Each structure stands twice: as C-alpha cells, then as structure tokens.
C-alpha cells in the first residue's frame, strides 16, 4: 500500500509542548519495520503550490502565512509556535494527502502519514491545524475532473469544524463527523451528518453508533473517493480524548471502515488526524493500526 511521508513532517517544538510531533517519523518506522511500507510504496511529497491552497484558503490568510506572519491571537488559536518552517511542514502534508488520493484512485487504498488537519478554516487555522489538507486535495481533484463527489469520514474525537464550514452547502462533498459532543471545539459547525457522543463512550456504544451510520453515508450520494480521518484520540487515556475505547475497539473500528469502503468499491485515503496518548511511541502504535488493518 502506498503512503506519503516526508522527513520534514517532523518539526521540533518547545520542550513540554503537548503536540506529539515525533509521532510522524515513528509511524513510518513502525510500518517499515513491519514490512508494510517498502521503498517502492513510499511517496515523498513536495510542498503544495499556493495556487492549490487558494482553492480553499483566502488570499488574506495566505498572505499572512507567506509574508506577514500570524498575529499573537492567531498563534494562540493555532496552538503551535509560528515559523516559516511550520508553513513548509503544512504544505508538505497537504501535498502528501493529494498524492495519496491519486494513489487511492489507482490502487483502491492509500494513506498519508500525516494530514487530517480538519480544524483549519478557509481564513484561519486553529487546534494545531494550519491548512486543510483534505479540502485542498478535493478541490484540486475536482478541478482536474478526477473526482466529482467526495465523502469525508471523520472519526477524530474532535469535530472537524473547519472542514464542515468549508463544505457547508456544497452538495458535491458530504461530511460525516462522529465526535465527542462536549469536547473541543466548544462551538460546532454543521457537517452533513454530525454524531455527538458523550464523554466516556466505550467500545460497545461507539461501534454501535458507527454501525448505525456507515450505511447511511452513501444514501442518495455516490462518492468517487472517500477521505478517512482516522484519529486515535478516541482511545482511553488520550490527553484530549475523554472517550474510553480499548485498543481492540480501535482495531474493530478500522476493520469496519475499511471493510465498508471495500465492500462498496470506494477508493479510500487514510489520514492520521489527532492522537495524544501518554507518549509519542504509544500514539504512533495506535496510528499504525489502521495501516495494519488496511494491509490485512
């Protein structure tokens, strides 16, 4: 299975920063060690072009990113220190998702060992998300005529508010977000389908909700491509998650989503989205599960 990765997905952050940036190289190392990512399967992206970013993001926001820098308030909302290297890292991840989407259209399934930055709005970033990689990939593929309709399955524990806002009212893109109802963001946007679950949701309740909604996602809607945000912050012990899924529950989730897409004949792009376990190693191990199940 092909997957995008670049060494500069990793960006050093100040000591004690809560974002586990080391998870990106660690996921790659795990997949390489397991024989699930070979030399011929690894896609190394360049930085996404500004022209493609402008298909989603406003000119004013891009000017601030490229030229003027972000304000102190914008940096607080983003949650990571602003540097030009952060823009480079974000552009690499956007291109990684676009290239993984192209591979999925050919091979049936592919992934980006980053991405899923669903809190990025058209005109600002927040929640560790600078640019909305999935939205940019969809708009580029639509512009090329490679994709007419796309489905986003967002199972990060936090609602994909930026993605929901970008595609609200667009009948060519269906957005599905199953998330913690009382978790970040406090102000939810409107996805096509939102499923808010209570704090403490366990395997049984979570998988029952997923089973109830997966068949509905293509009712009256025939996507050409599915983007799967496989956030692992649903697992018990996550710093920001507040759900109670076990490792087995996470693996069952991945099997359900992958099996559903395969049975429906839908090409699927995997992105990592969020995960904030007790260590970067633990977070990477959880992120690797979806790729293990995809290979299986």
C-alpha atoms as a PDB file:
ATOM      1  CA  UNK A   1       0.000   0.000   0.000  1.00  0.00           C
ATOM      2  CA  UNK A   2       1.351   3.423  -0.929  1.00  0.00           C
ATOM      3  CA  UNK A   3       1.711   6.102   1.729  1.00  0.00           C
ATOM      4  CA  UNK A   4       3.074   9.637   1.721  1.00  0.00           C
ATOM      5  CA  UNK A   5       5.818  10.679   4.109  1.00  0.00           C
ATOM      6  CA  UNK A   6       8.468  13.375   4.295  1.00  0.00           C
ATOM      7  CA  UNK A   7      11.191  13.794   6.941  1.00  0.00           C
ATOM      8  CA  UNK A   8      10.020  17.375   7.408  1.00  0.00           C
ATOM      9  CA  UNK A   9       6.612  16.246   8.607  1.00  0.00           C
ATOM     10  CA  UNK A  10       8.535  16.435  11.886  1.00  0.00           C
ATOM     11  CA  UNK A  11       9.135  19.921  13.216  1.00  0.00           C
ATOM     12  CA  UNK A  12      10.849  20.480  16.583  1.00  0.00           C
ATOM     13  CA  UNK A  13       8.606  22.133  19.171  1.00  0.00           C
ATOM     14  CA  UNK A  14       9.492  23.664  22.547  1.00  0.00           C
ATOM     15  CA  UNK A  15      10.114  21.207  25.399  1.00  0.00           C
ATOM     16  CA  UNK A  16       6.874  20.162  27.046  1.00  0.00           C
ATOM     17  CA  UNK A  17       4.656  21.138  24.131  1.00  0.00           C
ATOM     18  CA  UNK A  18       1.588  18.867  24.100  1.00  0.00           C
ATOM     19  CA  UNK A  19       1.586  18.140  20.373  1.00  0.00           C
ATOM     20  CA  UNK A  20       3.395  14.815  19.725  1.00  0.00           C
ATOM     21  CA  UNK A  21       5.295  15.832  16.600  1.00  0.00           C
ATOM     22  CA  UNK A  22       7.568  12.780  16.940  1.00  0.00           C
ATOM     23  CA  UNK A  23       4.654  10.525  16.053  1.00  0.00           C
ATOM     24  CA  UNK A  24       5.168  11.205  12.334  1.00  0.00           C
ATOM     25  CA  UNK A  25       8.610   9.608  11.918  1.00  0.00           C
ATOM     26  CA  UNK A  26       7.674   6.943  14.482  1.00  0.00           C
ATOM     27  CA  UNK A  27       4.646   5.781  12.472  1.00  0.00           C
ATOM     28  CA  UNK A  28       6.847   5.450   9.406  1.00  0.00           C
ATOM     29  CA  UNK A  29       9.458   3.492  11.383  1.00  0.00           C
ATOM     30  CA  UNK A  30       6.817   1.075  12.685  1.00  0.00           C
ATOM     31  CA  UNK A  31       5.388   0.446   9.234  1.00  0.00           C
ATOM     32  CA  UNK A  32       8.838  -0.021   7.720  1.00  0.00           C
ATOM     33  CA  UNK A  33       9.875  -2.437  10.473  1.00  0.00           C
ATOM     34  CA  UNK A  34       6.692  -4.463   9.942  1.00  0.00           C
ATOM     35  CA  UNK A  35       7.271  -4.665   6.194  1.00  0.00           C
ATOM     36  CA  UNK A  36       4.116  -2.687   5.474  1.00  0.00           C
ATOM     37  CA  UNK A  37       5.887   0.238   3.824  1.00  0.00           C
ATOM     38  CA  UNK A  38       8.592  -0.619   1.316  1.00  0.00           C
ATOM     39  CA  UNK A  39      10.798   1.682  -0.744  1.00  0.00           C
ATOM     40  CA  UNK A  40       8.553   1.477  -3.782  1.00  0.00           C
ATOM     41  CA  UNK A  41       5.459   2.276  -1.755  1.00  0.00           C
ATOM     42  CA  UNK A  42       6.679   5.448  -0.079  1.00  0.00           C
ATOM     43  CA  UNK A  43       5.588   8.705  -1.700  1.00  0.00           C
ATOM     44  CA  UNK A  44       7.754  11.737  -0.912  1.00  0.00           C
ATOM     45  CA  UNK A  45       5.771  14.944  -1.497  1.00  0.00           C
ATOM     46  CA  UNK A  46       6.968  18.382  -2.434  1.00  0.00           C
ATOM     47  CA  UNK A  47       5.301  21.447  -0.949  1.00  0.00           C
ATOM     48  CA  UNK A  48       1.774  22.159  -2.165  1.00  0.00           C
ATOM     49  CA  UNK A  49       1.546  25.102  -4.544  1.00  0.00           C
ATOM     50  CA  UNK A  50      -0.061  28.310  -3.381  1.00  0.00           C
ATOM     51  CA  UNK A  51      -2.443  28.077  -6.349  1.00  0.00           C
ATOM     52  CA  UNK A  52      -3.840  24.868  -4.895  1.00  0.00           C
ATOM     53  CA  UNK A  53      -4.053  26.270  -1.367  1.00  0.00           C
ATOM     54  CA  UNK A  54      -6.026  29.205  -2.792  1.00  0.00           C
ATOM     55  CA  UNK A  55      -8.718  26.804  -3.976  1.00  0.00           C
ATOM     56  CA  UNK A  56      -9.727  26.615  -0.285  1.00  0.00           C
ATOM     57  CA  UNK A  57      -7.947  29.307   1.718  1.00  0.00           C
ATOM     58  CA  UNK A  58      -8.491  33.056   1.399  1.00  0.00           C
ATOM     59  CA  UNK A  59      -5.892  35.351  -0.132  1.00  0.00           C
ATOM     60  CA  UNK A  60      -5.647  37.358   3.092  1.00  0.00           C
ATOM     61  CA  UNK A  61      -4.895  34.257   5.152  1.00  0.00           C
ATOM     62  CA  UNK A  62      -2.317  33.004   2.687  1.00  0.00           C
ATOM     63  CA  UNK A  63      -0.664  36.429   2.619  1.00  0.00           C
ATOM     64  CA  UNK A  64      -0.293  36.281   6.392  1.00  0.00           C
ATOM     65  CA  UNK A  65       1.153  32.786   6.208  1.00  0.00           C
ATOM     66  CA  UNK A  66       3.586  33.557   3.390  1.00  0.00           C
ATOM     67  CA  UNK A  67       4.548  37.146   4.090  1.00  0.00           C
ATOM     68  CA  UNK A  68       3.257  38.958   7.137  1.00  0.00           C
ATOM     69  CA  UNK A  69       3.250  36.280   9.814  1.00  0.00           C
ATOM     70  CA  UNK A  70       0.402  35.499  12.187  1.00  0.00           C
ATOM     71  CA  UNK A  71      -0.831  37.712  14.982  1.00  0.00           C
ATOM     72  CA  UNK A  72      -0.411  36.694  18.619  1.00  0.00           C
ATOM     73  CA  UNK A  73      -4.124  35.863  18.792  1.00  0.00           C
ATOM     74  CA  UNK A  74      -3.860  33.656  15.699  1.00  0.00           C
ATOM     75  CA  UNK A  75      -0.871  31.827  17.168  1.00  0.00           C
ATOM     76  CA  UNK A  76      -2.794  31.184  20.404  1.00  0.00           C
ATOM     77  CA  UNK A  77      -5.708  29.745  18.422  1.00  0.00           C
ATOM     78  CA  UNK A  78      -3.318  27.623  16.374  1.00  0.00           C
ATOM     79  CA  UNK A  79      -1.633  26.212  19.465  1.00  0.00           C
ATOM     80  CA  UNK A  80       1.852  25.865  17.967  1.00  0.00           C
ATOM     81  CA  UNK A  81       4.593  28.484  17.566  1.00  0.00           C
ATOM     82  CA  UNK A  82       4.561  30.213  14.197  1.00  0.00           C
ATOM     83  CA  UNK A  83       7.653  29.887  11.981  1.00  0.00           C
ATOM     84  CA  UNK A  84       8.174  29.670   8.201  1.00  0.00           C
ATOM     85  CA  UNK A  85       9.138  26.019   8.772  1.00  0.00           C
ATOM     86  CA  UNK A  86       5.615  25.372  10.046  1.00  0.00           C
ATOM     87  CA  UNK A  87       4.229  26.616   6.740  1.00  0.00           C
ATOM     88  CA  UNK A  88       6.618  24.324   4.856  1.00  0.00           C
ATOM     89  CA  UNK A  89       5.615  21.388   7.031  1.00  0.00           C
ATOM     90  CA  UNK A  90       1.934  22.126   6.467  1.00  0.00           C
ATOM     91  CA  UNK A  91       2.360  22.449   2.697  1.00  0.00           C
ATOM     92  CA  UNK A  92       4.202  19.125   2.582  1.00  0.00           C
ATOM     93  CA  UNK A  93       1.353  17.425   4.449  1.00  0.00           C
ATOM     94  CA  UNK A  94      -1.241  18.927   2.095  1.00  0.00           C
ATOM     95  CA  UNK A  95       0.630  17.603  -0.925  1.00  0.00           C
ATOM     96  CA  UNK A  96       1.030  14.253   0.822  1.00  0.00           C
ATOM     97  CA  UNK A  97      -2.742  13.915   1.067  1.00  0.00           C
ATOM     98  CA  UNK A  98      -3.215  14.928  -2.572  1.00  0.00           C
ATOM     99  CA  UNK A  99      -0.669  12.342  -3.750  1.00  0.00           C
ATOM    100  CA  UNK A 100      -2.203   9.670  -1.515  1.00  0.00           C
ATOM    101  CA  UNK A 101      -5.593  10.471  -3.049  1.00  0.00           C
ATOM    102  CA  UNK A 102      -4.207   9.925  -6.529  1.00  0.00           C
ATOM    103  CA  UNK A 103      -2.735   6.603  -5.402  1.00  0.00           C
ATOM    104  CA  UNK A 104      -6.043   5.544  -3.852  1.00  0.00           C
ATOM    105  CA  UNK A 105      -7.893   6.256  -7.092  1.00  0.00           C
ATOM    106  CA  UNK A 106      -5.496   3.842  -8.806  1.00  0.00           C
ATOM    107  CA  UNK A 107      -4.951   1.222  -6.102  1.00  0.00           C
ATOM    108  CA  UNK A 108      -8.130   1.346  -4.015  1.00  0.00           C
ATOM    109  CA  UNK A 109      -6.498   2.444  -0.761  1.00  0.00           C
ATOM    110  CA  UNK A 110      -3.542   4.653   0.152  1.00  0.00           C
ATOM    111  CA  UNK A 111      -2.514   6.863   3.026  1.00  0.00           C
ATOM    112  CA  UNK A 112      -0.702   9.918   4.241  1.00  0.00           C
ATOM    113  CA  UNK A 113       1.418   9.511   7.373  1.00  0.00           C
ATOM    114  CA  UNK A 114       0.223  12.963   8.424  1.00  0.00           C
ATOM    115  CA  UNK A 115      -2.771  15.101   7.464  1.00  0.00           C
ATOM    116  CA  UNK A 116      -6.327  15.195   8.666  1.00  0.00           C
ATOM    117  CA  UNK A 117      -5.951  18.860   9.690  1.00  0.00           C
ATOM    118  CA  UNK A 118      -9.675  19.390   9.995  1.00  0.00           C
ATOM    119  CA  UNK A 119      -9.658  22.440  12.284  1.00  0.00           C
ATOM    120  CA  UNK A 120      -8.204  24.672   9.542  1.00  0.00           C
ATOM    121  CA  UNK A 121     -10.827  27.069   8.164  1.00  0.00           C
ATOM    122  CA  UNK A 122     -10.661  28.952   4.898  1.00  0.00           C
ATOM    123  CA  UNK A 123      -9.463  32.116   6.635  1.00  0.00           C
ATOM    124  CA  UNK A 124      -7.623  30.905   9.728  1.00  0.00           C
ATOM    125  CA  UNK A 125      -6.048  27.951  11.484  1.00  0.00           C
ATOM    126  CA  UNK A 126      -6.735  26.572  14.934  1.00  0.00           C
ATOM    127  CA  UNK A 127      -6.326  23.430  17.019  1.00  0.00           C
ATOM    128  CA  UNK A 128      -2.835  22.550  15.675  1.00  0.00           C
ATOM    129  CA  UNK A 129      -4.127  22.837  12.069  1.00  0.00           C
ATOM    130  CA  UNK A 130      -2.692  25.420   9.637  1.00  0.00           C
ATOM    131  CA  UNK A 131      -4.026  24.265   6.258  1.00  0.00           C
ATOM    132  CA  UNK A 132      -6.924  21.949   5.473  1.00  0.00           C
ATOM    133  CA  UNK A 133      -5.214  19.167   3.524  1.00  0.00           C
ATOM    134  CA  UNK A 134      -8.327  17.149   2.706  1.00  0.00           C
ATOM    135  CA  UNK A 135     -10.237  20.177   1.430  1.00  0.00           C
ATOM    136  CA  UNK A 136      -7.339  21.265  -0.791  1.00  0.00           C
ATOM    137  CA  UNK A 137      -6.945  17.747  -2.199  1.00  0.00           C
ATOM    138  CA  UNK A 138     -10.651  17.531  -3.007  1.00  0.00           C
ATOM    139  CA  UNK A 139     -10.727  20.900  -4.753  1.00  0.00           C
ATOM    140  CA  UNK A 140      -7.637  20.086  -6.837  1.00  0.00           C
ATOM    141  CA  UNK A 141      -9.057  16.714  -7.895  1.00  0.00           C
ATOM    142  CA  UNK A 142     -12.409  18.287  -8.717  1.00  0.00           C
ATOM    143  CA  UNK A 143     -10.720  20.983 -10.790  1.00  0.00           C
ATOM    144  CA  UNK A 144      -8.928  18.297 -12.770  1.00  0.00           C
ATOM    145  CA  UNK A 145     -12.109  16.268 -13.285  1.00  0.00           C
ATOM    146  CA  UNK A 146     -10.625  13.289 -11.456  1.00  0.00           C
ATOM    147  CA  UNK A 147     -13.317  13.421  -8.771  1.00  0.00           C
ATOM    148  CA  UNK A 148     -16.823  14.856  -8.890  1.00  0.00           C
ATOM    149  CA  UNK A 149     -18.093  13.909  -5.445  1.00  0.00           C
ATOM    150  CA  UNK A 150     -16.130  13.156  -2.291  1.00  0.00           C
ATOM    151  CA  UNK A 151     -17.076  11.772   1.114  1.00  0.00           C
ATOM    152  CA  UNK A 152     -15.206  12.657   4.302  1.00  0.00           C
ATOM    153  CA  UNK A 153     -15.446  10.183   7.187  1.00  0.00           C
ATOM    154  CA  UNK A 154     -14.033  11.978  10.218  1.00  0.00           C
ATOM    155  CA  UNK A 155     -13.643   9.785  13.316  1.00  0.00           C
ATOM    156  CA  UNK A 156     -11.291  12.022  15.244  1.00  0.00           C
ATOM    157  CA  UNK A 157     -12.716  12.646  18.728  1.00  0.00           C
ATOM    158  CA  UNK A 158     -12.986  16.360  17.889  1.00  0.00           C
ATOM    159  CA  UNK A 159     -15.487  17.631  15.363  1.00  0.00           C
ATOM    160  CA  UNK A 160     -13.967  18.604  12.024  1.00  0.00           C
ATOM    161  CA  UNK A 161     -15.215  22.152  12.331  1.00  0.00           C
ATOM    162  CA  UNK A 162     -13.009  23.723   9.675  1.00  0.00           C
ATOM    163  CA  UNK A 163     -13.882  21.053   7.119  1.00  0.00           C
ATOM    164  CA  UNK A 164     -17.589  21.325   7.929  1.00  0.00           C
ATOM    165  CA  UNK A 165     -17.520  25.098   7.436  1.00  0.00           C
ATOM    166  CA  UNK A 166     -15.593  24.880   4.155  1.00  0.00           C
ATOM    167  CA  UNK A 167     -18.040  22.439   2.572  1.00  0.00           C
ATOM    168  CA  UNK A 168     -21.325  23.539   4.141  1.00  0.00           C
ATOM    169  CA  UNK A 169     -23.928  23.888   1.402  1.00  0.00           C
ATOM    170  CA  UNK A 170     -21.757  22.081  -1.173  1.00  0.00           C
ATOM    171  CA  UNK A 171     -23.687  19.089  -2.455  1.00  0.00           C
ATOM    172  CA  UNK A 172     -20.578  17.614  -4.132  1.00  0.00           C
ATOM    173  CA  UNK A 173     -18.926  16.895  -0.758  1.00  0.00           C
ATOM    174  CA  UNK A 174     -20.569  15.032   2.114  1.00  0.00           C
ATOM    175  CA  UNK A 175     -19.000  15.444   5.552  1.00  0.00           C
ATOM    176  CA  UNK A 176     -19.548  12.959   8.391  1.00  0.00           C
ATOM    177  CA  UNK A 177     -18.135  13.670  11.839  1.00  0.00           C
ATOM    178  CA  UNK A 178     -18.572  11.356  14.841  1.00  0.00           C
ATOM    179  CA  UNK A 179     -17.039  13.084  17.842  1.00  0.00           C
ATOM    180  CA  UNK A 180     -17.280  13.991  21.499  1.00  0.00           C
ATOM    181  CA  UNK A 181     -20.306  16.230  21.884  1.00  0.00           C
ATOM    182  CA  UNK A 182     -18.847  18.156  24.820  1.00  0.00           C
ATOM    183  CA  UNK A 183     -15.253  18.155  23.584  1.00  0.00           C
ATOM    184  CA  UNK A 184     -13.335  20.752  21.558  1.00  0.00           C
ATOM    185  CA  UNK A 185     -14.420  22.807  19.685  1.00  0.00           C
ATOM    186  CA  UNK A 186     -16.947  24.414  22.002  1.00  0.00           C
ATOM    187  CA  UNK A 187     -18.764  25.896  19.018  1.00  0.00           C
ATOM    188  CA  UNK A 188     -19.512  23.180  16.496  1.00  0.00           C
ATOM    189  CA  UNK A 189     -20.009  23.830  12.797  1.00  0.00           C
ATOM    190  CA  UNK A 190     -22.566  21.935  10.738  1.00  0.00           C
ATOM    191  CA  UNK A 191     -21.363  18.813   8.938  1.00  0.00           C
ATOM    192  CA  UNK A 192     -23.664  16.997   6.545  1.00  0.00           C
ATOM    193  CA  UNK A 193     -24.028  14.370   9.283  1.00  0.00           C
ATOM    194  CA  UNK A 194     -22.899  15.037  12.860  1.00  0.00           C
ATOM    195  CA  UNK A 195     -22.971  12.403  15.591  1.00  0.00           C
ATOM    196  CA  UNK A 196     -22.055  13.738  19.013  1.00  0.00           C
ATOM    197  CA  UNK A 197     -21.272  11.131  21.665  1.00  0.00           C
ATOM    198  CA  UNK A 198     -20.930  11.600  25.448  1.00  0.00           C
ATOM    199  CA  UNK A 199     -17.714  11.599  27.438  1.00  0.00           C
ATOM    200  CA  UNK A 200     -16.764   8.076  28.491  1.00  0.00           C
ATOM    201  CA  UNK A 201     -18.135   6.398  25.349  1.00  0.00           C
ATOM    202  CA  UNK A 202     -16.844   2.802  25.288  1.00  0.00           C
ATOM    203  CA  UNK A 203     -16.284   0.213  22.569  1.00  0.00           C
ATOM    204  CA  UNK A 204     -19.834  -1.104  22.520  1.00  0.00           C
ATOM    205  CA  UNK A 205     -21.555   2.273  22.304  1.00  0.00           C
ATOM    206  CA  UNK A 206     -19.045   3.689  19.837  1.00  0.00           C
ATOM    207  CA  UNK A 207     -19.150   0.761  17.426  1.00  0.00           C
ATOM    208  CA  UNK A 208     -22.942   0.610  17.623  1.00  0.00           C
ATOM    209  CA  UNK A 209     -23.126   4.272  16.596  1.00  0.00           C
ATOM    210  CA  UNK A 210     -20.661   3.678  13.770  1.00  0.00           C
ATOM    211  CA  UNK A 211     -22.580   0.631  12.538  1.00  0.00           C
ATOM    212  CA  UNK A 212     -25.797   2.656  12.550  1.00  0.00           C
ATOM    213  CA  UNK A 213     -24.379   5.466  10.441  1.00  0.00           C
ATOM    214  CA  UNK A 214     -21.892   3.938   7.993  1.00  0.00           C
ATOM    215  CA  UNK A 215     -24.597   2.545   5.675  1.00  0.00           C
ATOM    216  CA  UNK A 216     -26.274   5.970   5.561  1.00  0.00           C
ATOM    217  CA  UNK A 217     -23.242   7.798   4.256  1.00  0.00           C
ATOM    218  CA  UNK A 218     -23.836   6.835   0.641  1.00  0.00           C
ATOM    219  CA  UNK A 219     -27.644   7.022   0.743  1.00  0.00           C
ATOM    220  CA  UNK A 220     -28.522   9.246  -2.210  1.00  0.00           C
ATOM    221  CA  UNK A 221     -24.845  10.093  -2.645  1.00  0.00           C
ATOM    222  CA  UNK A 222     -22.322   8.264  -4.820  1.00  0.00           C
ATOM    223  CA  UNK A 223     -18.799   9.431  -3.955  1.00  0.00           C
ATOM    224  CA  UNK A 224     -15.856   8.869  -6.239  1.00  0.00           C
ATOM    225  CA  UNK A 225     -13.433   8.929  -3.315  1.00  0.00           C
ATOM    226  CA  UNK A 226     -13.514   8.665   0.488  1.00  0.00           C
ATOM    227  CA  UNK A 227     -11.169  10.518   2.829  1.00  0.00           C
ATOM    228  CA  UNK A 228     -10.854   8.825   6.213  1.00  0.00           C
ATOM    229  CA  UNK A 229      -9.607  10.850   9.174  1.00  0.00           C
ATOM    230  CA  UNK A 230      -8.525   8.012  11.437  1.00  0.00           C
ATOM    231  CA  UNK A 231      -7.898   9.953  14.644  1.00  0.00           C
ATOM    232  CA  UNK A 232      -6.799   7.773  17.557  1.00  0.00           C
ATOM    233  CA  UNK A 233      -7.726  10.252  20.290  1.00  0.00           C
ATOM    234  CA  UNK A 234     -10.832   8.124  20.897  1.00  0.00           C
ATOM    235  CA  UNK A 235      -8.734   5.595  22.858  1.00  0.00           C
ATOM    236  CA  UNK A 236      -8.827   5.619  26.674  1.00  0.00           C
ATOM    237  CA  UNK A 237      -6.015   7.606  28.256  1.00  0.00           C
ATOM    238  CA  UNK A 238      -5.718  10.184  25.488  1.00  0.00           C
ATOM    239  CA  UNK A 239      -4.779  13.621  26.822  1.00  0.00           C
ATOM    240  CA  UNK A 240      -7.633  15.351  24.983  1.00  0.00           C
ATOM    241  CA  UNK A 241      -9.985  12.492  24.135  1.00  0.00           C
ATOM    242  CA  UNK A 242     -12.345  11.727  27.048  1.00  0.00           C
ATOM    243  CA  UNK A 243     -13.587   8.536  25.350  1.00  0.00           C
ATOM    244  CA  UNK A 244     -12.907   5.024  26.654  1.00  0.00           C
ATOM    245  CA  UNK A 245     -12.184   2.843  23.631  1.00  0.00           C
ATOM    246  CA  UNK A 246      -9.754  -0.030  24.084  1.00  0.00           C
ATOM    247  CA  UNK A 247      -7.033  -0.963  21.603  1.00  0.00           C
ATOM    248  CA  UNK A 248      -9.296  -3.787  20.414  1.00  0.00           C
ATOM    249  CA  UNK A 249     -12.119  -1.320  19.971  1.00  0.00           C
ATOM    250  CA  UNK A 250      -9.907   0.899  17.814  1.00  0.00           C
ATOM    251  CA  UNK A 251      -8.885  -2.074  15.671  1.00  0.00           C
ATOM    252  CA  UNK A 252     -12.538  -3.059  15.286  1.00  0.00           C
ATOM    253  CA  UNK A 253     -13.333   0.493  14.156  1.00  0.00           C
ATOM    254  CA  UNK A 254     -10.653   0.366  11.478  1.00  0.00           C
ATOM    255  CA  UNK A 255     -11.865  -3.004  10.234  1.00  0.00           C
ATOM    256  CA  UNK A 256     -15.405  -1.685   9.952  1.00  0.00           C
ATOM    257  CA  UNK A 257     -14.490   1.435   7.998  1.00  0.00           C
ATOM    258  CA  UNK A 258     -12.054  -0.316   5.693  1.00  0.00           C
ATOM    259  CA  UNK A 259     -14.399  -3.253   5.143  1.00  0.00           C
ATOM    260  CA  UNK A 260     -17.325  -0.942   4.422  1.00  0.00           C
ATOM    261  CA  UNK A 261     -15.347   1.006   1.817  1.00  0.00           C
ATOM    262  CA  UNK A 262     -14.009  -2.126   0.178  1.00  0.00           C
ATOM    263  CA  UNK A 263     -17.436  -3.782   0.025  1.00  0.00           C
ATOM    264  CA  UNK A 264     -18.835  -0.632  -1.577  1.00  0.00           C
ATOM    265  CA  UNK A 265     -15.973  -0.413  -4.075  1.00  0.00           C
ATOM    266  CA  UNK A 266     -14.969   3.028  -2.813  1.00  0.00           C
ATOM    267  CA  UNK A 267     -11.333   4.186  -3.061  1.00  0.00           C
ATOM    268  CA  UNK A 268     -10.187   5.324   0.376  1.00  0.00           C
ATOM    269  CA  UNK A 269      -7.494   7.766   1.530  1.00  0.00           C
ATOM    270  CA  UNK A 270      -6.260   7.395   5.127  1.00  0.00           C
ATOM    271  CA  UNK A 271      -5.008  10.421   7.060  1.00  0.00           C
ATOM    272  CA  UNK A 272      -3.786  10.357  10.655  1.00  0.00           C
ATOM    273  CA  UNK A 273      -5.678  13.258  12.280  1.00  0.00           C
ATOM    274  CA  UNK A 274      -5.321  13.504  16.084  1.00  0.00           C
ATOM    275  CA  UNK A 275      -3.762  11.367  18.761  1.00  0.00           C
ATOM    276  CA  UNK A 276      -2.354  12.443  22.119  1.00  0.00           C
ATOM    277  CA  UNK A 277      -1.542   9.310  24.096  1.00  0.00           C
ATOM    278  CA  UNK A 278       0.860   9.210  27.046  1.00  0.00           C
ATOM    279  CA  UNK A 279       3.899   9.080  24.755  1.00  0.00           C
ATOM    280  CA  UNK A 280       4.680   9.666  21.097  1.00  0.00           C
ATOM    281  CA  UNK A 281       5.582   5.955  20.818  1.00  0.00           C
ATOM    282  CA  UNK A 282       2.180   4.907  22.113  1.00  0.00           C
ATOM    283  CA  UNK A 283       0.471   7.407  19.805  1.00  0.00           C
ATOM    284  CA  UNK A 284       2.392   6.087  16.799  1.00  0.00           C
ATOM    285  CA  UNK A 285       1.492   2.500  17.667  1.00  0.00           C
ATOM    286  CA  UNK A 286      -2.185   3.440  17.680  1.00  0.00           C
ATOM    287  CA  UNK A 287      -1.903   5.311  14.368  1.00  0.00           C
ATOM    288  CA  UNK A 288      -0.244   2.267  12.803  1.00  0.00           C
ATOM    289  CA  UNK A 289      -3.312   0.096  13.456  1.00  0.00           C
ATOM    290  CA  UNK A 290      -5.303   1.451  10.518  1.00  0.00           C
ATOM    291  CA  UNK A 291      -2.424   0.678   8.140  1.00  0.00           C
ATOM    292  CA  UNK A 292      -2.015  -2.791   9.617  1.00  0.00           C
ATOM    293  CA  UNK A 293      -5.702  -3.452   9.012  1.00  0.00           C
ATOM    294  CA  UNK A 294      -5.596  -1.958   5.524  1.00  0.00           C
ATOM    295  CA  UNK A 295      -2.734  -4.310   4.636  1.00  0.00           C
ATOM    296  CA  UNK A 296      -4.591  -7.229   6.179  1.00  0.00           C
END
